[in-house]
N, C-alpha and C. Protein backbone atom coordinates (compact mmCIF):
# COMPACT_ATOMS: atom_id res chain seq x y z
N UNK A 1 -32.40 -4.03 -8.58
CA UNK A 1 -31.27 -3.13 -8.12
C UNK A 1 -30.46 -3.89 -7.09
N UNK A 2 -29.11 -3.65 -7.24
CA UNK A 2 -28.18 -4.49 -6.36
C UNK A 2 -27.92 -3.43 -5.22
N UNK A 3 -27.72 -4.40 -4.13
CA UNK A 3 -27.63 -3.92 -2.63
C UNK A 3 -26.11 -3.71 -2.57
N UNK A 4 -25.66 -2.27 -2.08
CA UNK A 4 -24.16 -1.96 -2.13
C UNK A 4 -23.98 -1.65 -0.46
N UNK A 5 -22.73 -2.22 -0.34
CA UNK A 5 -22.46 -1.85 1.27
C UNK A 5 -21.05 -0.96 1.12
N UNK A 6 -20.62 -0.04 2.24
CA UNK A 6 -19.44 0.71 2.43
C UNK A 6 -18.80 -0.19 3.27
N UNK A 7 -17.43 -0.24 2.59
CA UNK A 7 -16.34 -0.87 3.44
C UNK A 7 -15.84 -0.03 4.55
N UNK A 8 -15.68 -0.62 5.61
CA UNK A 8 -15.34 -0.01 6.85
C UNK A 8 -13.96 0.45 6.97
N UNK A 9 -13.06 -0.01 5.66
CA UNK A 9 -11.91 0.25 5.82
C UNK A 9 -11.41 1.35 4.77
N UNK A 10 -11.81 0.71 3.44
CA UNK A 10 -11.65 1.69 2.34
C UNK A 10 -12.73 2.83 2.04
N UNK A 11 -13.84 2.60 2.88
CA UNK A 11 -15.04 3.36 2.65
C UNK A 11 -15.58 3.79 1.21
N UNK A 12 -15.26 2.29 0.21
CA UNK A 12 -16.00 2.38 -1.13
C UNK A 12 -17.30 1.67 -0.89
N UNK A 13 -18.18 2.03 -1.85
CA UNK A 13 -19.40 1.11 -2.09
C UNK A 13 -18.95 -0.21 -2.75
N UNK A 14 -19.09 -1.10 -2.19
CA UNK A 14 -18.91 -2.59 -2.65
C UNK A 14 -20.10 -3.35 -2.79
N UNK A 15 -20.43 -4.18 -3.70
CA UNK A 15 -21.45 -5.18 -3.99
C UNK A 15 -21.32 -6.09 -3.12
N UNK A 16 -19.92 -6.78 -2.62
CA UNK A 16 -19.91 -7.96 -1.68
C UNK A 16 -18.90 -7.38 -0.66
N UNK A 17 -19.46 -7.75 0.36
CA UNK A 17 -18.65 -7.57 1.60
C UNK A 17 -18.61 -8.62 2.73
N UNK A 18 -17.65 -8.34 3.54
CA UNK A 18 -17.66 -9.60 4.54
C UNK A 18 -18.06 -9.28 5.95
N UNK A 19 -19.03 -9.71 6.82
CA UNK A 19 -19.13 -9.31 7.99
C UNK A 19 -18.38 -9.85 8.98
N UNK A 20 -17.94 -9.25 10.17
CA UNK A 20 -17.00 -9.55 11.12
C UNK A 20 -17.28 -11.05 11.67
N UNK A 21 -16.03 -11.99 11.85
CA UNK A 21 -16.49 -13.57 12.02
C UNK A 21 -16.68 -13.30 13.42
N UNK A 22 -16.48 -12.54 14.34
CA UNK A 22 -16.89 -12.10 15.67
C UNK A 22 -18.37 -11.78 15.89
N UNK A 23 -18.40 -10.80 16.96
CA UNK A 23 -20.01 -10.55 17.13
C UNK A 23 -20.35 -8.94 16.69
N UNK A 24 -19.42 -8.19 16.32
CA UNK A 24 -19.71 -6.82 15.94
C UNK A 24 -20.06 -6.72 14.23
N UNK A 25 -20.49 -5.59 13.97
CA UNK A 25 -21.29 -5.53 12.65
C UNK A 25 -20.42 -4.91 11.60
N UNK A 26 -19.23 -4.94 11.75
CA UNK A 26 -18.48 -4.29 10.88
C UNK A 26 -18.32 -4.97 9.55
N UNK A 27 -18.14 -4.27 8.37
CA UNK A 27 -18.29 -4.92 7.31
C UNK A 27 -17.09 -4.67 6.18
N UNK A 28 -16.55 -5.56 5.84
CA UNK A 28 -15.20 -5.26 4.97
C UNK A 28 -15.28 -5.81 3.45
N UNK A 29 -14.76 -5.07 2.51
CA UNK A 29 -14.73 -5.49 1.47
C UNK A 29 -13.88 -6.90 1.16
N UNK A 30 -14.05 -7.32 0.17
CA UNK A 30 -12.97 -8.65 -0.22
C UNK A 30 -11.70 -8.04 -0.51
N UNK A 31 -11.29 -7.08 -0.97
CA UNK A 31 -10.07 -6.60 -1.33
C UNK A 31 -9.36 -6.20 0.03
N UNK A 32 -10.26 -5.67 1.00
CA UNK A 32 -9.47 -5.25 2.35
C UNK A 32 -9.07 -6.35 2.73
N UNK A 33 -10.11 -7.24 3.18
CA UNK A 33 -10.26 -8.60 3.85
C UNK A 33 -8.65 -9.21 3.64
N UNK A 34 -8.40 -9.41 2.20
CA UNK A 34 -7.39 -10.02 1.57
C UNK A 34 -6.04 -9.54 1.97
N UNK A 35 -6.31 -8.20 1.99
CA UNK A 35 -4.95 -7.38 2.52
C UNK A 35 -4.68 -7.54 3.80
N UNK A 36 -5.58 -7.80 4.73
CA UNK A 36 -5.50 -7.87 6.24
C UNK A 36 -5.41 -9.23 6.71
N UNK A 37 -5.33 -10.55 5.97
CA UNK A 37 -4.85 -11.52 6.24
C UNK A 37 -3.56 -11.73 6.62
N UNK A 38 -3.24 -12.40 7.65
CA UNK A 38 -1.67 -12.24 8.13
C UNK A 38 -1.33 -13.61 8.50
N UNK A 39 -0.06 -14.01 8.68
CA UNK A 39 0.49 -15.09 9.16
C UNK A 39 1.42 -14.71 10.57
N UNK A 40 1.13 -15.76 11.41
CA UNK A 40 1.95 -15.63 12.90
C UNK A 40 2.33 -17.06 13.02
N UNK A 41 3.85 -17.37 12.70
CA UNK A 41 4.39 -18.59 12.68
C UNK A 41 3.78 -19.38 11.67
N UNK A 42 2.94 -20.51 11.82
CA UNK A 42 2.27 -21.11 10.81
C UNK A 42 0.67 -20.94 10.74
N UNK A 43 0.20 -19.87 11.36
CA UNK A 43 -1.23 -19.68 11.96
C UNK A 43 -1.39 -18.61 11.08
N UNK A 44 -2.73 -18.76 10.21
CA UNK A 44 -3.25 -17.71 9.38
C UNK A 44 -4.20 -17.11 9.97
N UNK A 45 -4.31 -15.85 10.12
CA UNK A 45 -5.36 -15.23 10.93
C UNK A 45 -5.73 -13.89 10.37
N UNK A 46 -7.17 -13.40 10.68
CA UNK A 46 -7.46 -12.38 10.27
C UNK A 46 -7.99 -11.40 11.62
N UNK A 47 -7.80 -10.31 11.98
CA UNK A 47 -8.05 -9.57 13.03
C UNK A 47 -9.27 -8.56 12.47
N UNK A 48 -10.43 -8.50 13.04
CA UNK A 48 -11.53 -7.30 12.61
C UNK A 48 -11.02 -6.16 12.99
N UNK A 49 -11.16 -5.32 11.95
CA UNK A 49 -10.70 -3.65 12.06
C UNK A 49 -11.23 -3.08 13.29
N UNK A 50 -12.46 -3.26 13.72
CA UNK A 50 -13.28 -2.73 14.54
C UNK A 50 -13.06 -3.19 16.09
N UNK A 51 -13.43 -4.31 15.99
CA UNK A 51 -13.61 -5.03 17.46
C UNK A 51 -12.19 -5.98 17.68
N UNK A 52 -11.40 -5.97 16.78
CA UNK A 52 -10.41 -6.78 16.86
C UNK A 52 -10.22 -8.23 17.30
N UNK A 53 -11.37 -8.83 16.91
CA UNK A 53 -11.98 -10.34 17.00
C UNK A 53 -10.78 -11.03 16.17
N UNK A 54 -9.63 -12.00 16.68
CA UNK A 54 -8.96 -12.75 15.65
C UNK A 54 -9.73 -14.08 15.24
N UNK A 55 -9.76 -14.11 13.90
CA UNK A 55 -10.20 -15.36 13.35
C UNK A 55 -9.27 -16.23 12.62
N UNK A 56 -9.11 -17.21 13.50
CA UNK A 56 -7.89 -18.40 13.11
C UNK A 56 -8.22 -19.42 12.29
N UNK A 57 -7.61 -19.51 11.11
CA UNK A 57 -7.84 -20.38 9.79
C UNK A 57 -7.66 -21.79 10.70
N UNK A 58 -8.72 -22.66 10.33
CA UNK A 58 -8.84 -24.12 10.82
C UNK A 58 -9.09 -24.41 12.14
N UNK A 59 -9.68 -22.99 12.86
CA UNK A 59 -10.20 -23.06 14.37
C UNK A 59 -11.39 -22.29 14.29
N UNK A 60 -11.83 -21.18 13.39
CA UNK A 60 -13.04 -20.43 13.57
C UNK A 60 -13.47 -20.99 12.25
N UNK A 61 -14.61 -21.63 12.05
CA UNK A 61 -15.56 -22.45 11.38
C UNK A 61 -15.81 -21.43 10.10
N UNK A 62 -16.45 -20.51 10.53
CA UNK A 62 -16.97 -19.27 9.32
C UNK A 62 -16.06 -18.73 8.79
N UNK A 63 -14.76 -18.52 9.49
CA UNK A 63 -13.39 -17.90 8.74
C UNK A 63 -12.92 -18.96 7.71
N UNK A 64 -12.89 -20.16 8.36
CA UNK A 64 -12.46 -20.96 7.52
C UNK A 64 -13.08 -21.53 6.08
N UNK A 65 -14.20 -21.47 6.35
CA UNK A 65 -15.39 -21.90 5.35
C UNK A 65 -15.27 -20.69 4.30
N UNK A 66 -15.16 -19.39 4.79
CA UNK A 66 -15.30 -18.57 3.82
C UNK A 66 -13.88 -18.27 3.14
N UNK A 67 -12.80 -18.64 3.81
CA UNK A 67 -11.36 -18.81 3.09
C UNK A 67 -11.55 -19.86 1.94
N UNK A 68 -12.06 -20.89 2.11
CA UNK A 68 -12.23 -22.16 1.28
C UNK A 68 -12.97 -21.74 0.03
N UNK A 69 -14.00 -20.74 0.18
CA UNK A 69 -15.08 -20.53 -0.82
C UNK A 69 -14.12 -19.57 -1.65
N UNK A 70 -13.44 -18.66 -1.24
CA UNK A 70 -12.92 -17.62 -2.00
C UNK A 70 -11.53 -17.87 -2.88
N UNK A 71 -11.48 -17.92 -4.11
CA UNK A 71 -9.98 -18.21 -4.56
C UNK A 71 -9.00 -17.16 -4.23
N UNK A 72 -9.65 -15.82 -4.56
CA UNK A 72 -8.81 -14.78 -4.18
C UNK A 72 -8.18 -14.92 -2.55
N UNK A 73 -9.00 -15.39 -1.96
CA UNK A 73 -8.13 -15.17 -0.41
C UNK A 73 -7.45 -16.52 -0.37
N UNK A 74 -7.44 -17.70 -0.65
CA UNK A 74 -6.98 -19.11 -1.14
C UNK A 74 -5.43 -18.50 -1.41
N UNK A 75 -5.47 -17.77 -2.66
CA UNK A 75 -4.21 -17.42 -3.36
C UNK A 75 -3.31 -16.48 -2.01
N UNK A 76 -3.91 -15.58 -1.44
CA UNK A 76 -3.15 -14.94 -0.29
C UNK A 76 -2.87 -15.84 0.54
N UNK A 77 -3.64 -16.69 1.05
CA UNK A 77 -2.86 -17.76 2.21
C UNK A 77 -1.93 -18.58 1.35
N UNK A 78 -1.97 -18.87 0.46
CA UNK A 78 -0.95 -19.73 -0.39
C UNK A 78 0.48 -19.09 -0.36
N UNK A 79 0.23 -17.66 -1.04
CA UNK A 79 1.49 -16.73 -0.90
C UNK A 79 2.16 -16.51 0.72
N UNK A 80 1.22 -16.49 1.59
CA UNK A 80 1.83 -16.10 2.82
C UNK A 80 2.55 -17.30 3.18
N UNK A 81 2.05 -18.25 2.97
CA UNK A 81 2.84 -19.78 3.55
C UNK A 81 4.09 -20.01 2.58
N UNK A 82 3.89 -19.93 1.31
CA UNK A 82 5.04 -19.88 0.41
C UNK A 82 6.23 -18.91 0.94
N UNK A 83 5.83 -17.66 1.28
CA UNK A 83 6.79 -16.75 1.68
C UNK A 83 7.61 -17.00 2.76
N UNK A 84 6.71 -17.83 4.03
CA UNK A 84 7.05 -18.22 5.26
C UNK A 84 7.96 -19.24 4.94
N UNK A 85 7.76 -20.33 3.98
CA UNK A 85 8.78 -21.23 3.66
C UNK A 85 10.02 -20.68 2.86
N UNK A 86 9.94 -20.04 2.27
CA UNK A 86 11.21 -19.32 1.89
C UNK A 86 12.12 -18.84 2.61
N UNK A 87 11.63 -18.05 3.29
CA UNK A 87 12.12 -17.26 4.57
C UNK A 87 13.07 -18.40 5.54
N UNK A 88 12.37 -19.52 5.88
CA UNK A 88 12.68 -20.44 6.49
C UNK A 88 13.97 -21.14 5.67
N UNK A 89 13.77 -21.44 4.30
CA UNK A 89 14.84 -21.96 3.62
C UNK A 89 15.92 -21.14 3.63
N UNK A 90 15.75 -19.90 3.53
CA UNK A 90 16.88 -18.84 3.29
C UNK A 90 17.88 -18.73 4.65
N UNK A 91 16.95 -19.00 5.87
CA UNK A 91 17.52 -19.10 6.95
C UNK A 91 18.51 -20.54 7.13
N UNK A 92 18.10 -21.24 6.69
CA UNK A 92 18.63 -22.80 6.66
C UNK A 92 20.05 -22.52 5.89
N UNK A 93 19.80 -21.96 4.73
CA UNK A 93 20.89 -21.94 3.71
C UNK A 93 21.92 -21.20 4.72
N UNK A 94 21.62 -19.81 5.16
CA UNK A 94 22.48 -19.01 5.86
C UNK A 94 23.35 -19.65 7.10
N UNK A 95 22.47 -20.68 7.78
CA UNK A 95 22.99 -21.17 8.98
C UNK A 95 23.97 -22.46 8.36
N UNK A 96 23.74 -22.97 7.29
CA UNK A 96 24.66 -24.04 6.72
C UNK A 96 25.99 -23.21 6.18
N UNK A 97 25.54 -22.16 5.48
CA UNK A 97 27.08 -21.36 5.24
C UNK A 97 28.02 -21.14 6.33
N UNK A 98 27.20 -20.63 7.42
CA UNK A 98 28.09 -20.13 8.49
C UNK A 98 28.67 -21.47 9.33
N UNK A 99 28.12 -22.63 9.51
CA UNK A 99 28.32 -23.78 10.02
C UNK A 99 29.71 -24.04 9.21
N UNK A 100 29.45 -24.16 7.99
CA UNK A 100 30.53 -24.60 7.20
C UNK A 100 31.87 -23.58 7.45
N UNK A 101 31.70 -22.24 7.68
CA UNK A 101 32.92 -21.55 8.02
C UNK A 101 33.50 -21.51 9.37
N UNK A 102 32.86 -22.61 10.15
CA UNK A 102 33.26 -22.65 11.49
C UNK A 102 33.00 -21.47 12.35
N UNK A 103 31.85 -21.00 12.08
CA UNK A 103 31.40 -19.51 12.87
C UNK A 103 30.71 -20.23 14.25
N UNK A 104 31.00 -19.57 15.26
CA UNK A 104 29.96 -19.83 16.51
C UNK A 104 28.52 -19.96 16.14
N UNK A 105 27.94 -20.50 16.31
CA UNK A 105 26.27 -20.67 16.12
C UNK A 105 25.53 -19.65 16.96
N UNK A 106 26.15 -19.37 18.20
CA UNK A 106 25.45 -18.23 19.03
C UNK A 106 25.56 -16.85 18.68
N UNK A 107 26.64 -16.56 17.81
CA UNK A 107 26.88 -15.35 17.10
C UNK A 107 26.04 -15.26 15.81
N UNK A 108 25.94 -16.44 15.15
CA UNK A 108 24.67 -16.37 14.04
C UNK A 108 23.17 -16.14 14.63
N UNK A 109 22.67 -16.80 15.92
CA UNK A 109 21.82 -16.60 16.40
C UNK A 109 21.48 -15.08 16.51
N UNK A 110 22.15 -14.77 17.40
CA UNK A 110 22.11 -13.13 17.73
C UNK A 110 21.99 -12.09 16.95
N UNK A 111 22.78 -12.48 15.73
CA UNK A 111 22.92 -11.72 14.32
C UNK A 111 22.02 -11.82 13.33
N UNK A 112 21.18 -12.99 13.38
CA UNK A 112 20.50 -13.30 12.09
C UNK A 112 18.73 -13.72 12.43
N UNK A 113 18.79 -14.36 13.73
CA UNK A 113 17.35 -14.86 13.80
C UNK A 113 16.77 -13.97 14.82
N UNK A 114 15.40 -13.74 14.58
CA UNK A 114 14.48 -13.23 15.62
C UNK A 114 13.65 -14.49 16.32
N UNK A 115 14.46 -14.57 17.48
CA UNK A 115 13.82 -15.64 18.15
C UNK A 115 12.48 -15.45 18.83
N UNK A 116 12.17 -14.05 19.29
CA UNK A 116 10.48 -13.73 19.62
C UNK A 116 9.71 -14.05 18.70
N UNK A 117 9.92 -14.43 17.44
CA UNK A 117 8.76 -14.77 16.62
C UNK A 117 8.57 -16.31 16.57
N UNK A 118 9.18 -17.06 17.00
CA UNK A 118 9.32 -18.23 17.06
C UNK A 118 8.31 -18.97 17.95
């Protein structure tokens, strides 16, 4: 008989779940965990939905090892990084366009870039 766990996010019974990478006992299914992985600047992280412990890729050994062992999680990380690169490339293209048109760079920055996220 297989052991099932109830996910603390979607409340579905799942065969596989992941325990918090911090110290609490929350359990999240793989699907919910993949949805909750995010990127800040170039840092990949996951916040536990219960205790808010932040696991950072390449800093938290358990989280990093888990990510590397799951194809679906690595696909999510690759997608986040690819989207980030595309966004930066688009910003660079926009910047080149404005510079070619001799517009004031300060106007461009105020209009298009979110400096608080850098």
